[in-house]
Amino acid sequence: MRGKYVLLAALFVLSYININSQVQRNRTATLMGCKFDFSILAEDSLQAEKYIDKAIDEIVRIENLISDWKPDSQVSKVNQNAGIQPVKVDREVLELTRRAIKISEITEGAFDISFAAMDKIWKFDGSMKKMPSEEQIKEFIKKIGYKNIIIDTLNSTLFLKLPGMKIGFGSIGKGYAADKAKELMVKNNVKAGIINASGDISVWGHKINGEYWNIGIINPFEPSDITGFFTLKDECVTTSGSYEKYVELEGNKYSHIIDPRTGYPVKGIKSVSVIGPNAETANGFSTSIMVLGVKAGFKLINHYPDYSCLIITDTGKIHKSKYFKTKVEFYNKKIKSATRL
């Protein structure tokens, strides 16, 4: 009988070793015009690398559908035919557009994927040397409007009613890609990992030591520094910030996040981090809140208990939304005490 117990104990130890004998592999790749970081836990290094390959292939597939700078993508073809004719697209593109329009509706236009027309006058690649005129901005504002995006679900087509209109998924596309890559990993029984799409982050499972994932919070006043961290398990966090891309004109900095209702870059908020179950939706909320401001932004997100956010204002003040329960720690003196709205 004793021998039986010894055998069972030995089997338990072997089982425990097998369960915990995982490795973590990390890789960085440039996708969708930005940096993606992958961390995957698997049984061995070779398997982990294969999983990362699968995740990258999935993101490349999505990029080829929704990129507005690749001329042969479906979204580019929609833009090329603005004011001319509807364009047939995959159901996936149709549904992504439908969800984007839904965010536009609930934010009353503070979020709008047709703001992409403004890239003709606001440039954040170093080529912009002077402010656009008020007349130019007014002219391009006429080409912005989610109500002029026509979805035909029967024929699976998208049509932009006005010539010169343009849609772009820069505001939610990376979050969507992170969601789809994570979905693929979970489907392949990958127990844990992180997909970081330049600040749009999806995590699942535990770290290799059994702890939850710590996600660094960029100091918006000194973007090369980390000012604190979130602790996450099976969640997503996306961050939008005025510090990410900007142009400096006449001694003033102008953020790449444009208010589609006015045509001008947003002011007042340095960064917004939104936490929730879906990176695409969190991405839409973080962009919207940058535009709406603190009070209107919290009025929006407090209607959705599964999502919460943390805002850092231009003065360094922190605000947490009503349902913010995520463990967060700050250790930078420039970031002031948090308040809940």
C-alpha atoms as a PDB file:
ATOM      1  CA  MET A   1       0.000   0.000   0.000  1.00  0.00           C
ATOM      2  CA  ARG A   2       2.809   2.330   0.868  1.00  0.00           C
ATOM      3  CA  GLY A   3       4.339   1.711  -2.553  1.00  0.00           C
ATOM      4  CA  LYS A   4       1.081   2.829  -4.149  1.00  0.00           C
ATOM      5  CA  TYR A   5       1.188   6.153  -2.287  1.00  0.00           C
ATOM      6  CA  VAL A   6       4.817   6.667  -3.274  1.00  0.00           C
ATOM      7  CA  LEU A   7       3.906   6.035  -6.922  1.00  0.00           C
ATOM      8  CA  LEU A   8       0.965   8.457  -6.757  1.00  0.00           C
ATOM      9  CA  ALA A   9       3.189  11.097  -5.161  1.00  0.00           C
ATOM     10  CA  ALA A  10       5.769  10.618  -7.892  1.00  0.00           C
ATOM     11  CA  LEU A  11       3.118  10.956 -10.582  1.00  0.00           C
ATOM     12  CA  PHE A  12       1.860  14.151  -8.922  1.00  0.00           C
ATOM     13  CA  VAL A  13       5.365  15.643  -8.932  1.00  0.00           C
ATOM     14  CA  LEU A  14       5.882  14.716 -12.584  1.00  0.00           C
ATOM     15  CA  SER A  15       2.511  16.204 -13.479  1.00  0.00           C
ATOM     16  CA  TYR A  16       3.327  19.401 -11.611  1.00  0.00           C
ATOM     17  CA  ILE A  17       6.655  19.703 -13.410  1.00  0.00           C
ATOM     18  CA  ASN A  18       4.985  19.132 -16.768  1.00  0.00           C
ATOM     19  CA  ILE A  19       2.301  21.777 -16.153  1.00  0.00           C
ATOM     20  CA  ASN A  20       4.825  24.358 -15.069  1.00  0.00           C
ATOM     21  CA  SER A  21       7.590  23.559 -17.553  1.00  0.00           C
ATOM     22  CA  GLN A  22       6.739  26.426 -19.879  1.00  0.00           C
ATOM     23  CA  VAL A  23       8.942  28.985 -21.541  1.00  0.00           C
ATOM     24  CA  GLN A  24       8.249  32.581 -22.505  1.00  0.00           C
ATOM     25  CA  ARG A  25       9.355  33.902 -25.865  1.00  0.00           C
ATOM     26  CA  ASN A  26       9.338  37.582 -26.836  1.00  0.00           C
ATOM     27  CA  ARG A  27       9.463  39.196 -30.246  1.00  0.00           C
ATOM     28  CA  THR A  28       9.031  42.672 -31.719  1.00  0.00           C
ATOM     29  CA  ALA A  29       7.743  43.323 -35.249  1.00  0.00           C
ATOM     30  CA  THR A  30       6.727  46.383 -37.242  1.00  0.00           C
ATOM     31  CA  LEU A  31       3.112  45.942 -38.329  1.00  0.00           C
ATOM     32  CA  MET A  32       0.355  48.372 -39.305  1.00  0.00           C
ATOM     33  CA  GLY A  33       2.986  51.103 -39.354  1.00  0.00           C
ATOM     34  CA  CYS A  34       3.923  50.702 -35.692  1.00  0.00           C
ATOM     35  CA  LYS A  35       5.698  48.434 -33.216  1.00  0.00           C
ATOM     36  CA  PHE A  36       4.033  45.243 -31.989  1.00  0.00           C
ATOM     37  CA  ASP A  37       5.507  43.345 -29.038  1.00  0.00           C
ATOM     38  CA  PHE A  38       4.609  39.694 -28.488  1.00  0.00           C
ATOM     39  CA  SER A  39       5.180  37.617 -25.347  1.00  0.00           C
ATOM     40  CA  ILE A  40       3.902  34.056 -25.539  1.00  0.00           C
ATOM     41  CA  LEU A  41       4.083  31.195 -23.021  1.00  0.00           C
ATOM     42  CA  ALA A  42       4.310  27.696 -24.476  1.00  0.00           C
ATOM     43  CA  GLU A  43       5.647  24.214 -23.806  1.00  0.00           C
ATOM     44  CA  ASP A  44       8.937  24.961 -25.540  1.00  0.00           C
ATOM     45  CA  SER A  45      10.699  27.735 -27.439  1.00  0.00           C
ATOM     46  CA  LEU A  46       9.994  26.303 -30.889  1.00  0.00           C
ATOM     47  CA  GLN A  47       6.261  26.067 -30.210  1.00  0.00           C
ATOM     48  CA  ALA A  48       6.174  29.602 -28.780  1.00  0.00           C
ATOM     49  CA  GLU A  49       7.894  30.978 -31.892  1.00  0.00           C
ATOM     50  CA  LYS A  50       5.369  29.187 -34.105  1.00  0.00           C
ATOM     51  CA  TYR A  51       2.525  30.768 -32.154  1.00  0.00           C
ATOM     52  CA  ILE A  52       4.075  34.223 -32.579  1.00  0.00           C
ATOM     53  CA  ASP A  53       4.337  33.549 -36.318  1.00  0.00           C
ATOM     54  CA  LYS A  54       0.618  32.749 -36.381  1.00  0.00           C
ATOM     55  CA  ALA A  55      -0.208  35.953 -34.476  1.00  0.00           C
ATOM     56  CA  ILE A  56       1.869  38.044 -36.885  1.00  0.00           C
ATOM     57  CA  ASP A  57       0.234  36.401 -39.907  1.00  0.00           C
ATOM     58  CA  GLU A  58      -3.179  37.282 -38.471  1.00  0.00           C
ATOM     59  CA  ILE A  59      -2.229  40.932 -37.989  1.00  0.00           C
ATOM     60  CA  VAL A  60      -0.783  41.136 -41.525  1.00  0.00           C
ATOM     61  CA  ARG A  61      -4.069  39.725 -42.832  1.00  0.00           C
ATOM     62  CA  ILE A  62      -6.017  42.440 -41.014  1.00  0.00           C
ATOM     63  CA  GLU A  63      -3.614  45.146 -42.167  1.00  0.00           C
ATOM     64  CA  ASN A  64      -4.123  44.102 -45.776  1.00  0.00           C
ATOM     65  CA  LEU A  65      -7.864  44.560 -45.313  1.00  0.00           C
ATOM     66  CA  ILE A  66      -8.098  47.855 -43.424  1.00  0.00           C
ATOM     67  CA  SER A  67      -4.909  49.825 -44.110  1.00  0.00           C
ATOM     68  CA  ASP A  68      -5.729  53.203 -45.669  1.00  0.00           C
ATOM     69  CA  TRP A  69      -2.185  53.673 -46.973  1.00  0.00           C
ATOM     70  CA  LYS A  70      -1.922  50.404 -48.892  1.00  0.00           C
ATOM     71  CA  PRO A  71      -3.574  51.270 -52.226  1.00  0.00           C
ATOM     72  CA  ASP A  72      -4.866  47.743 -52.855  1.00  0.00           C
ATOM     73  CA  SER A  73      -6.570  47.256 -49.462  1.00  0.00           C
ATOM     74  CA  GLN A  74     -10.346  47.128 -49.290  1.00  0.00           C
ATOM     75  CA  VAL A  75     -10.534  50.313 -47.225  1.00  0.00           C
ATOM     76  CA  SER A  76      -8.307  52.156 -49.719  1.00  0.00           C
ATOM     77  CA  LYS A  77     -10.611  51.075 -52.544  1.00  0.00           C
ATOM     78  CA  VAL A  78     -13.578  52.423 -50.574  1.00  0.00           C
ATOM     79  CA  ASN A  79     -11.745  55.756 -50.224  1.00  0.00           C
ATOM     80  CA  GLN A  80     -10.764  55.811 -53.895  1.00  0.00           C
ATOM     81  CA  ASN A  81     -14.431  55.460 -54.830  1.00  0.00           C
ATOM     82  CA  ALA A  82     -15.786  58.134 -52.446  1.00  0.00           C
ATOM     83  CA  GLY A  83     -18.671  59.917 -54.128  1.00  0.00           C
ATOM     84  CA  ILE A  84     -18.492  57.522 -57.080  1.00  0.00           C
ATOM     85  CA  GLN A  85     -19.778  54.063 -56.232  1.00  0.00           C
ATOM     86  CA  PRO A  86     -20.131  51.468 -53.453  1.00  0.00           C
ATOM     87  CA  VAL A  87     -17.297  48.974 -52.995  1.00  0.00           C
ATOM     88  CA  LYS A  88     -17.757  45.348 -52.025  1.00  0.00           C
ATOM     89  CA  VAL A  89     -15.836  44.435 -48.865  1.00  0.00           C
ATOM     90  CA  ASP A  90     -15.466  41.415 -46.619  1.00  0.00           C
ATOM     91  CA  ARG A  91     -18.080  41.010 -43.907  1.00  0.00           C
ATOM     92  CA  GLU A  92     -15.291  41.543 -41.373  1.00  0.00           C
ATOM     93  CA  VAL A  93     -14.586  45.051 -42.730  1.00  0.00           C
ATOM     94  CA  LEU A  94     -18.302  45.796 -42.886  1.00  0.00           C
ATOM     95  CA  GLU A  95     -18.841  44.824 -39.251  1.00  0.00           C
ATOM     96  CA  LEU A  96     -15.762  46.737 -38.064  1.00  0.00           C
ATOM     97  CA  THR A  97     -17.147  49.828 -39.821  1.00  0.00           C
ATOM     98  CA  ARG A  98     -20.558  49.271 -38.268  1.00  0.00           C
ATOM     99  CA  ARG A  99     -19.054  49.111 -34.786  1.00  0.00           C
ATOM    100  CA  ALA A 100     -17.042  52.278 -35.452  1.00  0.00           C
ATOM    101  CA  ILE A 101     -20.216  54.089 -36.488  1.00  0.00           C
ATOM    102  CA  LYS A 102     -21.877  52.901 -33.272  1.00  0.00           C
ATOM    103  CA  ILE A 103     -19.114  54.593 -31.250  1.00  0.00           C
ATOM    104  CA  SER A 104     -19.669  57.740 -33.334  1.00  0.00           C
ATOM    105  CA  GLU A 105     -23.356  57.656 -32.465  1.00  0.00           C
ATOM    106  CA  ILE A 106     -22.868  57.277 -28.708  1.00  0.00           C
ATOM    107  CA  THR A 107     -20.198  60.006 -28.662  1.00  0.00           C
ATOM    108  CA  GLU A 108     -22.256  62.319 -30.906  1.00  0.00           C
ATOM    109  CA  GLY A 109     -19.423  62.592 -33.398  1.00  0.00           C
ATOM    110  CA  ALA A 110     -16.498  63.013 -31.013  1.00  0.00           C
ATOM    111  CA  PHE A 111     -15.271  59.765 -32.561  1.00  0.00           C
ATOM    112  CA  ASP A 112     -15.468  59.481 -36.347  1.00  0.00           C
ATOM    113  CA  ILE A 113     -13.465  57.238 -38.671  1.00  0.00           C
ATOM    114  CA  SER A 114     -14.095  59.679 -41.524  1.00  0.00           C
ATOM    115  CA  PHE A 115     -11.864  62.247 -39.799  1.00  0.00           C
ATOM    116  CA  ALA A 116      -9.102  60.674 -41.936  1.00  0.00           C
ATOM    117  CA  ALA A 117      -9.755  63.357 -44.566  1.00  0.00           C
ATOM    118  CA  MET A 118      -7.929  65.774 -42.234  1.00  0.00           C
ATOM    119  CA  ASP A 119      -4.621  64.066 -42.989  1.00  0.00           C
ATOM    120  CA  LYS A 120      -4.486  66.286 -46.069  1.00  0.00           C
ATOM    121  CA  ILE A 121      -3.855  69.365 -43.928  1.00  0.00           C
ATOM    122  CA  TRP A 122      -2.625  68.066 -40.543  1.00  0.00           C
ATOM    123  CA  LYS A 123       0.628  66.135 -40.958  1.00  0.00           C
ATOM    124  CA  PHE A 124       2.643  64.640 -38.114  1.00  0.00           C
ATOM    125  CA  ASP A 125       5.570  63.222 -40.072  1.00  0.00           C
ATOM    126  CA  GLY A 126       7.794  66.306 -39.808  1.00  0.00           C
ATOM    127  CA  SER A 127       6.702  67.806 -43.132  1.00  0.00           C
ATOM    128  CA  MET A 128       4.233  70.341 -41.722  1.00  0.00           C
ATOM    129  CA  LYS A 129       5.731  73.835 -41.440  1.00  0.00           C
ATOM    130  CA  LYS A 130       2.761  76.125 -40.831  1.00  0.00           C
ATOM    131  CA  MET A 131      -0.748  76.113 -39.399  1.00  0.00           C
ATOM    132  CA  PRO A 132      -3.565  75.303 -41.812  1.00  0.00           C
ATOM    133  CA  SER A 133      -5.844  78.241 -42.436  1.00  0.00           C
ATOM    134  CA  GLU A 134      -9.309  78.428 -40.929  1.00  0.00           C
ATOM    135  CA  GLU A 135     -10.722  78.254 -44.457  1.00  0.00           C
ATOM    136  CA  GLN A 136      -8.825  75.025 -45.167  1.00  0.00           C
ATOM    137  CA  ILE A 137     -10.091  73.433 -41.975  1.00  0.00           C
ATOM    138  CA  LYS A 138     -13.670  74.443 -42.687  1.00  0.00           C
ATOM    139  CA  GLU A 139     -13.392  72.991 -46.182  1.00  0.00           C
ATOM    140  CA  PHE A 140     -12.196  69.622 -44.925  1.00  0.00           C
ATOM    141  CA  ILE A 141     -14.731  69.564 -42.087  1.00  0.00           C
ATOM    142  CA  LYS A 142     -17.377  69.309 -44.809  1.00  0.00           C
ATOM    143  CA  LYS A 143     -15.901  65.925 -45.777  1.00  0.00           C
ATOM    144  CA  ILE A 144     -16.169  64.506 -42.268  1.00  0.00           C
ATOM    145  CA  GLY A 145     -19.357  62.803 -41.134  1.00  0.00           C
ATOM    146  CA  TYR A 146     -20.091  59.227 -40.140  1.00  0.00           C
ATOM    147  CA  LYS A 147     -23.693  59.671 -41.306  1.00  0.00           C
ATOM    148  CA  ASN A 148     -22.348  59.820 -44.863  1.00  0.00           C
ATOM    149  CA  ILE A 149     -20.882  56.306 -44.593  1.00  0.00           C
ATOM    150  CA  ILE A 150     -23.439  54.017 -46.206  1.00  0.00           C
ATOM    151  CA  ILE A 151     -23.420  50.337 -45.249  1.00  0.00           C
ATOM    152  CA  ASP A 152     -25.281  47.869 -47.459  1.00  0.00           C
ATOM    153  CA  THR A 153     -25.403  44.640 -45.473  1.00  0.00           C
ATOM    154  CA  LEU A 154     -27.313  42.774 -48.211  1.00  0.00           C
ATOM    155  CA  ASN A 155     -24.632  43.369 -50.837  1.00  0.00           C
ATOM    156  CA  SER A 156     -21.752  43.763 -48.342  1.00  0.00           C
ATOM    157  CA  THR A 157     -20.693  47.169 -49.662  1.00  0.00           C
ATOM    158  CA  LEU A 158     -19.434  50.437 -48.227  1.00  0.00           C
ATOM    159  CA  PHE A 159     -20.036  53.798 -49.857  1.00  0.00           C
ATOM    160  CA  LEU A 160     -18.774  57.244 -48.901  1.00  0.00           C
ATOM    161  CA  LYS A 161     -21.347  59.719 -50.168  1.00  0.00           C
ATOM    162  CA  LEU A 162     -19.094  62.746 -50.573  1.00  0.00           C
ATOM    163  CA  PRO A 163     -16.146  63.114 -52.980  1.00  0.00           C
ATOM    164  CA  GLY A 164     -12.946  63.526 -50.993  1.00  0.00           C
ATOM    165  CA  MET A 165     -14.251  61.593 -47.986  1.00  0.00           C
ATOM    166  CA  LYS A 166     -11.902  59.106 -46.419  1.00  0.00           C
ATOM    167  CA  ILE A 167     -12.190  56.532 -43.656  1.00  0.00           C
ATOM    168  CA  GLY A 168      -9.312  55.251 -41.560  1.00  0.00           C
ATOM    169  CA  PHE A 169      -9.036  52.743 -38.718  1.00  0.00           C
ATOM    170  CA  GLY A 170      -5.978  54.246 -37.047  1.00  0.00           C
ATOM    171  CA  SER A 171      -8.041  54.858 -33.905  1.00  0.00           C
ATOM    172  CA  ILE A 172      -9.367  51.308 -33.401  1.00  0.00           C
ATOM    173  CA  GLY A 173      -7.476  49.138 -35.894  1.00  0.00           C
ATOM    174  CA  LYS A 174      -4.551  48.228 -33.634  1.00  0.00           C
ATOM    175  CA  GLY A 175      -6.914  47.301 -30.813  1.00  0.00           C
ATOM    176  CA  TYR A 176      -8.917  45.146 -33.198  1.00  0.00           C
ATOM    177  CA  ALA A 177      -5.740  43.441 -34.421  1.00  0.00           C
ATOM    178  CA  ALA A 178      -4.641  42.730 -30.834  1.00  0.00           C
ATOM    179  CA  ASP A 179      -8.072  41.240 -30.091  1.00  0.00           C
ATOM    180  CA  LYS A 180      -7.984  38.972 -33.146  1.00  0.00           C
ATOM    181  CA  ALA A 181      -4.425  37.804 -32.479  1.00  0.00           C
ATOM    182  CA  LYS A 182      -5.319  36.988 -28.868  1.00  0.00           C
ATOM    183  CA  GLU A 183      -8.465  35.179 -30.022  1.00  0.00           C
ATOM    184  CA  LEU A 184      -6.341  33.051 -32.344  1.00  0.00           C
ATOM    185  CA  MET A 185      -3.867  32.253 -29.570  1.00  0.00           C
ATOM    186  CA  VAL A 186      -6.601  31.197 -27.151  1.00  0.00           C
ATOM    187  CA  LYS A 187      -8.141  29.058 -29.905  1.00  0.00           C
ATOM    188  CA  ASN A 188      -4.743  27.351 -30.240  1.00  0.00           C
ATOM    189  CA  ASN A 189      -4.727  26.650 -26.469  1.00  0.00           C
ATOM    190  CA  VAL A 190      -1.989  29.152 -25.689  1.00  0.00           C
ATOM    191  CA  LYS A 191      -2.456  29.571 -21.939  1.00  0.00           C
ATOM    192  CA  ALA A 192      -0.914  33.011 -21.464  1.00  0.00           C
ATOM    193  CA  GLY A 193       0.634  35.937 -23.251  1.00  0.00           C
ATOM    194  CA  ILE A 194       0.692  39.620 -24.108  1.00  0.00           C
ATOM    195  CA  ILE A 195       0.121  41.346 -27.428  1.00  0.00           C
ATOM    196  CA  ASN A 196       1.151  44.997 -27.294  1.00  0.00           C
ATOM    197  CA  ALA A 197       0.145  47.018 -30.355  1.00  0.00           C
ATOM    198  CA  SER A 198       2.040  50.224 -29.521  1.00  0.00           C
ATOM    199  CA  GLY A 199       0.068  50.797 -26.334  1.00  0.00           C
ATOM    200  CA  ASP A 200      -3.070  48.824 -27.209  1.00  0.00           C
ATOM    201  CA  ILE A 201      -2.461  45.786 -25.039  1.00  0.00           C
ATOM    202  CA  SER A 202      -4.285  42.479 -24.659  1.00  0.00           C
ATOM    203  CA  VAL A 203      -3.223  40.022 -21.943  1.00  0.00           C
ATOM    204  CA  TRP A 204      -4.457  36.635 -20.810  1.00  0.00           C
ATOM    205  CA  GLY A 205      -3.408  34.065 -18.253  1.00  0.00           C
ATOM    206  CA  HIS A 206      -0.485  34.484 -15.851  1.00  0.00           C
ATOM    207  CA  LYS A 207       3.194  35.212 -16.158  1.00  0.00           C
ATOM    208  CA  ILE A 208       5.540  32.242 -16.063  1.00  0.00           C
ATOM    209  CA  ASN A 209       5.982  32.731 -12.283  1.00  0.00           C
ATOM    210  CA  GLY A 210       2.201  32.605 -11.734  1.00  0.00           C
ATOM    211  CA  GLU A 211       1.787  36.329 -11.079  1.00  0.00           C
ATOM    212  CA  TYR A 212      -0.491  38.702 -12.980  1.00  0.00           C
ATOM    213  CA  TRP A 213       0.949  40.902 -15.731  1.00  0.00           C
ATOM    214  CA  ASN A 214       2.286  44.350 -14.833  1.00  0.00           C
ATOM    215  CA  ILE A 215       1.694  46.841 -17.629  1.00  0.00           C
ATOM    216  CA  GLY A 216       3.786  49.994 -17.502  1.00  0.00           C
ATOM    217  CA  ILE A 217       2.156  53.433 -17.639  1.00  0.00           C
ATOM    218  CA  ILE A 218       4.087  55.918 -19.761  1.00  0.00           C
ATOM    219  CA  ASN A 219       4.794  59.261 -18.134  1.00  0.00           C
ATOM    220  CA  PRO A 220       3.059  61.648 -20.573  1.00  0.00           C
ATOM    221  CA  PHE A 221       5.349  64.472 -19.487  1.00  0.00           C
ATOM    222  CA  GLU A 222       8.495  62.410 -20.130  1.00  0.00           C
ATOM    223  CA  PRO A 223       7.462  59.654 -22.588  1.00  0.00           C
ATOM    224  CA  SER A 224      10.786  57.852 -22.282  1.00  0.00           C
ATOM    225  CA  ASP A 225       9.954  57.084 -18.615  1.00  0.00           C
ATOM    226  CA  ILE A 226       7.487  54.759 -16.926  1.00  0.00           C
ATOM    227  CA  THR A 227       5.489  56.496 -14.217  1.00  0.00           C
ATOM    228  CA  GLY A 228       3.692  53.463 -12.768  1.00  0.00           C
ATOM    229  CA  PHE A 229       1.918  50.251 -13.728  1.00  0.00           C
ATOM    230  CA  PHE A 230      -1.410  48.450 -13.982  1.00  0.00           C
ATOM    231  CA  THR A 231      -1.802  44.842 -12.819  1.00  0.00           C
ATOM    232  CA  LEU A 232      -3.921  42.846 -15.289  1.00  0.00           C
ATOM    233  CA  LYS A 233      -4.989  39.246 -15.827  1.00  0.00           C
ATOM    234  CA  ASP A 234      -7.500  38.590 -18.612  1.00  0.00           C
ATOM    235  CA  GLU A 235      -8.072  42.161 -19.758  1.00  0.00           C
ATOM    236  CA  CYS A 236      -7.114  44.760 -22.305  1.00  0.00           C
ATOM    237  CA  VAL A 237      -5.761  48.254 -21.800  1.00  0.00           C
ATOM    238  CA  THR A 238      -5.434  50.924 -24.471  1.00  0.00           C
ATOM    239  CA  THR A 239      -3.836  54.323 -24.086  1.00  0.00           C
ATOM    240  CA  SER A 240      -4.346  57.429 -26.195  1.00  0.00           C
ATOM    241  CA  GLY A 241      -2.134  60.424 -25.590  1.00  0.00           C
ATOM    242  CA  SER A 242      -1.318  63.882 -26.877  1.00  0.00           C
ATOM    243  CA  TYR A 243       2.379  63.113 -26.323  1.00  0.00           C
ATOM    244  CA  GLU A 244       2.538  60.272 -28.872  1.00  0.00           C
ATOM    245  CA  LYS A 245       2.580  62.281 -32.086  1.00  0.00           C
ATOM    246  CA  TYR A 246       2.486  66.014 -32.422  1.00  0.00           C
ATOM    247  CA  VAL A 247       3.652  68.910 -34.521  1.00  0.00           C
ATOM    248  CA  GLU A 248       5.273  72.027 -33.062  1.00  0.00           C
ATOM    249  CA  LEU A 249       4.291  75.266 -34.793  1.00  0.00           C
ATOM    250  CA  GLU A 250       5.023  78.795 -33.649  1.00  0.00           C
ATOM    251  CA  GLY A 251       6.114  77.503 -30.247  1.00  0.00           C
ATOM    252  CA  ASN A 252       2.942  75.455 -29.651  1.00  0.00           C
ATOM    253  CA  LYS A 253       2.502  71.674 -29.702  1.00  0.00           C
ATOM    254  CA  TYR A 254      -0.504  70.245 -31.550  1.00  0.00           C
ATOM    255  CA  SER A 255      -1.598  66.654 -30.886  1.00  0.00           C
ATOM    256  CA  HIS A 256      -2.284  64.150 -33.651  1.00  0.00           C
ATOM    257  CA  ILE A 257      -5.693  63.448 -32.095  1.00  0.00           C
ATOM    258  CA  ILE A 258      -8.141  65.668 -33.967  1.00  0.00           C
ATOM    259  CA  ASP A 259     -11.610  66.659 -32.824  1.00  0.00           C
ATOM    260  CA  PRO A 260     -13.619  65.648 -35.929  1.00  0.00           C
ATOM    261  CA  ARG A 261     -16.286  68.211 -35.037  1.00  0.00           C
ATOM    262  CA  THR A 262     -13.906  71.188 -35.164  1.00  0.00           C
ATOM    263  CA  GLY A 263     -10.949  69.994 -37.224  1.00  0.00           C
ATOM    264  CA  TYR A 264      -8.471  71.076 -34.547  1.00  0.00           C
ATOM    265  CA  PRO A 265      -6.187  68.998 -32.290  1.00  0.00           C
ATOM    266  CA  VAL A 266      -7.447  68.271 -28.777  1.00  0.00           C
ATOM    267  CA  LYS A 267      -6.258  70.025 -25.617  1.00  0.00           C
ATOM    268  CA  GLY A 268      -6.544  69.516 -21.856  1.00  0.00           C
ATOM    269  CA  ILE A 269      -5.699  65.830 -21.491  1.00  0.00           C
ATOM    270  CA  LYS A 270      -2.251  64.275 -21.686  1.00  0.00           C
ATOM    271  CA  SER A 271      -3.316  60.620 -21.725  1.00  0.00           C
ATOM    272  CA  VAL A 272      -6.301  58.327 -21.331  1.00  0.00           C
ATOM    273  CA  SER A 273      -5.960  54.638 -20.440  1.00  0.00           C
ATOM    274  CA  VAL A 274      -9.081  52.496 -20.796  1.00  0.00           C
ATOM    275  CA  ILE A 275      -9.321  48.990 -19.323  1.00  0.00           C
ATOM    276  CA  GLY A 276     -11.896  46.415 -20.364  1.00  0.00           C
ATOM    277  CA  PRO A 277     -12.535  43.052 -22.014  1.00  0.00           C
ATOM    278  CA  ASN A 278     -12.102  44.231 -25.610  1.00  0.00           C
ATOM    279  CA  ALA A 279      -9.176  46.270 -26.985  1.00  0.00           C
ATOM    280  CA  GLU A 280     -11.068  47.551 -30.017  1.00  0.00           C
ATOM    281  CA  THR A 281     -13.828  49.057 -27.870  1.00  0.00           C
ATOM    282  CA  ALA A 282     -11.343  50.322 -25.283  1.00  0.00           C
ATOM    283  CA  ASN A 283      -9.410  51.953 -28.134  1.00  0.00           C
ATOM    284  CA  GLY A 284     -12.541  53.718 -29.333  1.00  0.00           C
ATOM    285  CA  PHE A 285     -13.297  54.937 -25.818  1.00  0.00           C
ATOM    286  CA  SER A 286      -9.768  56.200 -25.139  1.00  0.00           C
ATOM    287  CA  THR A 287      -9.747  58.232 -28.371  1.00  0.00           C
ATOM    288  CA  SER A 288     -13.246  59.562 -27.697  1.00  0.00           C
ATOM    289  CA  ILE A 289     -12.420  60.643 -24.150  1.00  0.00           C
ATOM    290  CA  MET A 290      -9.373  62.559 -25.391  1.00  0.00           C
ATOM    291  CA  VAL A 291     -11.793  64.567 -27.522  1.00  0.00           C
ATOM    292  CA  LEU A 292     -14.668  64.844 -25.042  1.00  0.00           C
ATOM    293  CA  GLY A 293     -12.610  65.931 -22.033  1.00  0.00           C
ATOM    294  CA  VAL A 294     -12.748  64.710 -18.448  1.00  0.00           C
ATOM    295  CA  LYS A 295     -16.376  65.287 -17.416  1.00  0.00           C
ATOM    296  CA  ALA A 296     -18.053  64.350 -20.697  1.00  0.00           C
ATOM    297  CA  GLY A 297     -15.647  61.438 -21.104  1.00  0.00           C
ATOM    298  CA  PHE A 298     -16.562  59.988 -17.724  1.00  0.00           C
ATOM    299  CA  LYS A 299     -20.246  60.545 -18.402  1.00  0.00           C
ATOM    300  CA  LEU A 300     -19.763  58.321 -21.456  1.00  0.00           C
ATOM    301  CA  ILE A 301     -17.700  55.491 -19.968  1.00  0.00           C
ATOM    302  CA  ASN A 302     -19.662  55.292 -16.724  1.00  0.00           C
ATOM    303  CA  HIS A 303     -22.545  53.899 -18.795  1.00  0.00           C
ATOM    304  CA  TYR A 304     -20.419  50.799 -19.474  1.00  0.00           C
ATOM    305  CA  PRO A 305     -19.550  48.956 -16.225  1.00  0.00           C
ATOM    306  CA  ASP A 306     -17.188  46.533 -17.984  1.00  0.00           C
ATOM    307  CA  TYR A 307     -14.923  49.450 -18.910  1.00  0.00           C
ATOM    308  CA  SER A 308     -13.061  51.957 -16.786  1.00  0.00           C
ATOM    309  CA  CYS A 309     -10.454  54.587 -17.393  1.00  0.00           C
ATOM    310  CA  LEU A 310      -7.693  56.648 -15.893  1.00  0.00           C
ATOM    311  CA  ILE A 311      -7.021  60.163 -17.183  1.00  0.00           C
ATOM    312  CA  ILE A 312      -3.899  62.274 -16.713  1.00  0.00           C
ATOM    313  CA  THR A 313      -4.562  65.932 -17.466  1.00  0.00           C
ATOM    314  CA  ASP A 314      -2.211  68.608 -18.809  1.00  0.00           C
ATOM    315  CA  THR A 315      -1.584  69.676 -15.209  1.00  0.00           C
ATOM    316  CA  GLY A 316      -0.660  66.141 -14.086  1.00  0.00           C
ATOM    317  CA  LYS A 317      -3.894  65.507 -12.216  1.00  0.00           C
ATOM    318  CA  ILE A 318      -5.184  61.916 -12.238  1.00  0.00           C
ATOM    319  CA  HIS A 319      -8.876  61.077 -12.498  1.00  0.00           C
ATOM    320  CA  LYS A 320     -10.379  57.577 -12.229  1.00  0.00           C
ATOM    321  CA  SER A 321     -13.776  56.648 -13.602  1.00  0.00           C
ATOM    322  CA  LYS A 322     -16.609  55.210 -11.519  1.00  0.00           C
ATOM    323  CA  TYR A 323     -15.879  51.523 -12.187  1.00  0.00           C
ATOM    324  CA  PHE A 324     -12.098  51.708 -12.002  1.00  0.00           C
ATOM    325  CA  LYS A 325     -11.011  48.760  -9.815  1.00  0.00           C
ATOM    326  CA  THR A 326      -7.705  47.792 -11.422  1.00  0.00           C
ATOM    327  CA  LYS A 327      -4.652  47.733  -9.184  1.00  0.00           C
ATOM    328  CA  VAL A 328      -2.480  50.695 -10.158  1.00  0.00           C
ATOM    329  CA  GLU A 329       0.674  52.141  -8.634  1.00  0.00           C
ATOM    330  CA  PHE A 330       2.366  55.464  -9.413  1.00  0.00           C
ATOM    331  CA  TYR A 331       5.831  56.476  -8.369  1.00  0.00           C
ATOM    332  CA  ASN A 332       6.464  59.748 -10.201  1.00  0.00           C
ATOM    333  CA  LYS A 333       6.171  63.029  -8.328  1.00  0.00           C
ATOM    334  CA  LYS A 334       4.849  64.890 -11.365  1.00  0.00           C
ATOM    335  CA  ILE A 335       1.699  62.762 -11.298  1.00  0.00           C
ATOM    336  CA  LYS A 336      -0.648  64.126  -8.660  1.00  0.00           C
ATOM    337  CA  SER A 337      -3.112  62.326  -6.404  1.00  0.00           C
ATOM    338  CA  ALA A 338      -6.037  60.534  -7.993  1.00  0.00           C
ATOM    339  CA  THR A 339      -9.676  61.547  -7.800  1.00  0.00           C
ATOM    340  CA  ARG A 340     -12.712  59.574  -8.884  1.00  0.00           C
ATOM    341  CA  LEU A 341     -15.440  61.085 -11.064  1.00  0.00           C
END
